């Protein structure tokens, strides 16, 4: 109907070939849609495997990107969705930096461990008791121990903790911009 061969349409769908404006309009007319619908990127879902807090006992339901999590959100345009997950902030213990319902996006370089490049940064970290925290990570007094410092000046700092894994916060998305999607 658009005067385009099946093989060329296949190349467009695979992204190996890009239609020019005239061809895009022909295809849109044949499908009875706006051309913008054909070039709009598909929603890229990111799993939200759990909630994290600065003072609550919070556990992830699925702490790695391979799982389904609590729900899914659209991946923000600045991030590639591969390997990205997000946690939802629980409680108000991180005010004024993060608020309840905000999302923090992160990706882990490895399933376990604390990469040296996360020292001194805001991180999502899991202590050896399974609790998940949003803190600033500092080296502890001995190898293998870490200080988890609160983002809230009145919050509780945790010193010389064993950390199972830590990943830097890559993006903060306030709750009013969160868009849930189907996976």
Protein backbone atom coordinates (compact mmCIF):
# COMPACT_ATOMS: atom_id res chain seq x y z
CA UNK A 1 0.00 0.00 0.00
CA UNK A 2 2.92 2.36 0.63
CA UNK A 3 4.83 1.24 -2.45
CA UNK A 4 7.69 -0.10 -0.32
CA UNK A 5 9.01 -3.64 -0.59
CA UNK A 6 8.83 -6.01 2.36
CA UNK A 7 12.63 -6.23 2.51
CA UNK A 8 13.00 -2.43 2.73
CA UNK A 9 10.32 -2.28 5.46
CA UNK A 10 12.25 -4.97 7.31
CA UNK A 11 15.43 -2.86 7.09
CA UNK A 12 13.53 0.13 8.49
CA UNK A 13 12.19 -1.95 11.38
CA UNK A 14 15.64 -3.34 12.18
CA UNK A 15 17.20 0.12 12.01
CA UNK A 16 19.69 -0.87 9.31
CA UNK A 17 18.13 1.65 6.95
CA UNK A 18 16.42 4.98 7.66
CA UNK A 19 13.54 6.22 5.49
CA UNK A 20 13.69 9.71 4.03
CA UNK A 21 10.87 12.16 4.77
CA UNK A 22 8.90 11.32 1.60
CA UNK A 23 9.07 7.57 2.25
CA UNK A 24 8.12 8.05 5.90
CA UNK A 25 5.04 10.01 4.83
CA UNK A 26 4.08 7.27 2.32
CA UNK A 27 4.24 4.61 5.01
CA UNK A 28 2.32 6.77 7.50
CA UNK A 29 -0.40 7.44 4.93
CA UNK A 30 -0.72 3.72 4.18
CA UNK A 31 -1.06 2.94 7.89
CA UNK A 32 -3.32 5.95 8.54
CA UNK A 33 -1.07 7.28 11.32
CA UNK A 34 0.91 10.43 11.96
CA UNK A 35 4.55 10.08 10.77
CA UNK A 36 5.72 11.00 14.29
CA UNK A 37 4.18 7.74 15.53
CA UNK A 38 6.55 5.81 13.30
CA UNK A 39 9.70 7.45 14.62
CA UNK A 40 8.71 7.82 18.27
CA UNK A 41 11.03 5.65 20.35
CA UNK A 42 9.35 2.73 22.07
CA UNK A 43 8.96 2.87 25.82
CA UNK A 44 12.02 1.33 27.42
CA UNK A 45 10.95 -0.24 30.69
CA UNK A 46 13.21 -0.24 33.74
CA UNK A 47 12.46 -2.47 36.73
CA UNK A 48 11.98 -0.96 40.17
CA UNK A 49 13.07 -3.89 42.35
CA UNK A 50 12.26 -2.28 45.66
CA UNK A 51 12.41 0.70 47.92
CA UNK A 52 15.36 2.21 49.73
CA UNK A 53 15.63 4.51 52.69
CA UNK A 54 18.18 6.25 54.81
CA UNK A 55 16.86 5.04 58.12
CA UNK A 56 14.28 2.32 57.52
CA UNK A 57 14.93 -1.38 57.23
CA UNK A 58 14.35 -1.75 53.53
CA UNK A 59 14.91 -4.90 51.48
CA UNK A 60 14.83 -5.22 47.70
CA UNK A 61 12.45 -7.81 46.30
CA UNK A 62 14.84 -8.44 43.43
CA UNK A 63 18.20 -6.72 43.64
CA UNK A 64 19.47 -7.15 40.12
CA UNK A 65 18.26 -6.03 36.67
CA UNK A 66 17.24 -9.50 35.50
CA UNK A 67 14.06 -9.57 37.58
CA UNK A 68 10.63 -8.07 37.36
CA UNK A 69 10.65 -5.95 40.50
CA UNK A 70 7.67 -4.19 42.06
CA UNK A 71 6.75 -2.36 38.86
CA UNK A 72 8.35 -0.84 35.76
CA UNK A 73 8.94 2.75 34.70
CA UNK A 74 9.91 4.36 31.44
CA UNK A 75 13.66 4.71 31.11
CA UNK A 76 14.67 8.39 31.16
CA UNK A 77 16.07 9.51 27.78
CA UNK A 78 19.57 10.17 29.12
CA UNK A 79 20.06 6.55 30.18
CA UNK A 80 20.41 3.38 28.14
CA UNK A 81 17.99 0.83 29.67
CA UNK A 82 20.42 -2.09 29.57
CA UNK A 83 21.43 -3.01 33.11
CA UNK A 84 19.61 -0.04 34.67
CA UNK A 85 17.28 -0.47 37.62
CA UNK A 86 15.75 2.02 40.02
CA UNK A 87 14.73 2.14 43.65
CA UNK A 88 11.84 4.11 45.01
CA UNK A 89 12.60 6.32 48.00
CA UNK A 90 10.72 5.28 51.13
CA UNK A 91 10.10 7.73 53.93
CA UNK A 92 11.26 11.29 54.48
CA UNK A 93 14.63 10.59 56.09
CA UNK A 94 16.52 11.90 53.03
CA UNK A 95 14.81 15.26 52.85
CA UNK A 96 15.70 17.74 51.43
CA UNK A 97 17.85 15.79 48.93
CA UNK A 98 15.33 13.07 47.98
CA UNK A 99 11.62 12.80 48.78
CA UNK A 100 9.31 9.84 49.26
CA UNK A 101 8.30 8.36 45.90
CA UNK A 102 11.30 9.74 43.99
CA UNK A 103 13.28 7.23 41.92
CA UNK A 104 17.04 6.74 41.92
CA UNK A 105 18.43 4.97 38.86
CA UNK A 106 21.58 2.89 39.14
CA UNK A 107 23.48 0.09 37.45
CA UNK A 108 25.89 -2.32 39.03
CA UNK A 109 29.21 -3.06 37.38
CA UNK A 110 29.26 -6.46 39.13
CA UNK A 111 26.71 -8.56 40.99
CA UNK A 112 28.66 -8.18 44.23
CA UNK A 113 31.42 -5.97 45.52
CA UNK A 114 32.26 -2.33 45.95
CA UNK A 115 34.13 -0.79 43.00
CA UNK A 116 36.72 1.80 44.04
CA UNK A 117 35.11 4.46 41.83
CA UNK A 118 32.01 4.58 44.07
CA UNK A 119 33.96 5.71 47.15
CA UNK A 120 32.93 9.26 48.02
CA UNK A 121 29.75 9.14 45.92
CA UNK A 122 26.02 8.87 46.61
CA UNK A 123 25.24 5.18 46.28
CA UNK A 124 22.62 2.52 46.62
CA UNK A 125 24.30 0.03 48.95
CA UNK A 126 23.33 -3.26 50.51
CA UNK A 127 24.81 -4.18 53.87
CA UNK A 128 25.58 -7.79 54.72
CA UNK A 129 22.29 -8.06 56.67
CA UNK A 130 20.35 -7.54 53.40
CA UNK A 131 19.18 -3.99 54.08
CA UNK A 132 19.45 -1.40 51.30
CA UNK A 133 20.48 2.18 51.90
CA UNK A 134 20.99 5.43 50.04
CA UNK A 135 24.11 6.98 51.50
CA UNK A 136 27.47 8.54 50.69
CA UNK A 137 30.04 5.75 50.78
CA UNK A 138 33.45 6.31 52.39
CA UNK A 139 36.29 3.90 53.14
CA UNK A 140 36.16 2.44 56.65
CA UNK A 141 38.92 2.02 59.21
CA UNK A 142 39.87 -1.44 57.88
CA UNK A 143 39.85 -3.07 54.44
CA UNK A 144 36.40 -4.42 53.63
CA UNK A 145 34.61 -1.98 55.94
CA UNK A 146 32.83 1.18 54.87
CA UNK A 147 31.24 4.27 56.37
CA UNK A 148 27.73 4.99 55.09
CA UNK A 149 27.04 8.69 55.60
CA UNK A 150 23.54 10.13 55.67
CA UNK A 151 22.41 12.64 53.07
CA UNK A 152 20.36 14.35 55.76
CA UNK A 153 22.53 16.31 58.24
CA UNK A 154 20.28 15.09 61.07
CA UNK A 155 20.36 11.49 59.80
CA UNK A 156 22.20 8.51 61.21
CA UNK A 157 25.67 7.69 59.91
CA UNK A 158 26.79 4.08 59.91
CA UNK A 159 30.44 3.37 60.52
CA UNK A 160 32.58 0.34 59.64
CA UNK A 161 29.85 -1.62 57.88
CA UNK A 162 30.29 -4.66 55.67
CA UNK A 163 28.77 -3.82 52.28
CA UNK A 164 27.69 -6.62 49.91
CA UNK A 165 27.44 -4.28 46.91
CA UNK A 166 27.30 -0.60 46.10
CA UNK A 167 26.36 1.23 42.92
CA UNK A 168 26.46 4.97 42.24
CA UNK A 169 23.23 6.88 41.80
CA UNK A 170 23.17 7.70 38.09
CA UNK A 171 19.98 9.75 37.96
CA UNK A 172 17.40 11.16 40.37
CA UNK A 173 13.83 11.44 39.06
CA UNK A 174 11.31 13.30 41.24
CA UNK A 175 8.06 11.37 41.72
CA UNK A 176 6.01 13.83 39.64
CA UNK A 177 8.02 12.81 36.54
CA UNK A 178 7.81 9.05 37.08
CA UNK A 179 5.85 7.27 34.35
CA UNK A 180 4.90 3.67 35.05
CA UNK A 181 4.76 1.32 32.08
CA UNK A 182 3.94 -2.30 31.37
CA UNK A 183 6.99 -4.53 31.02
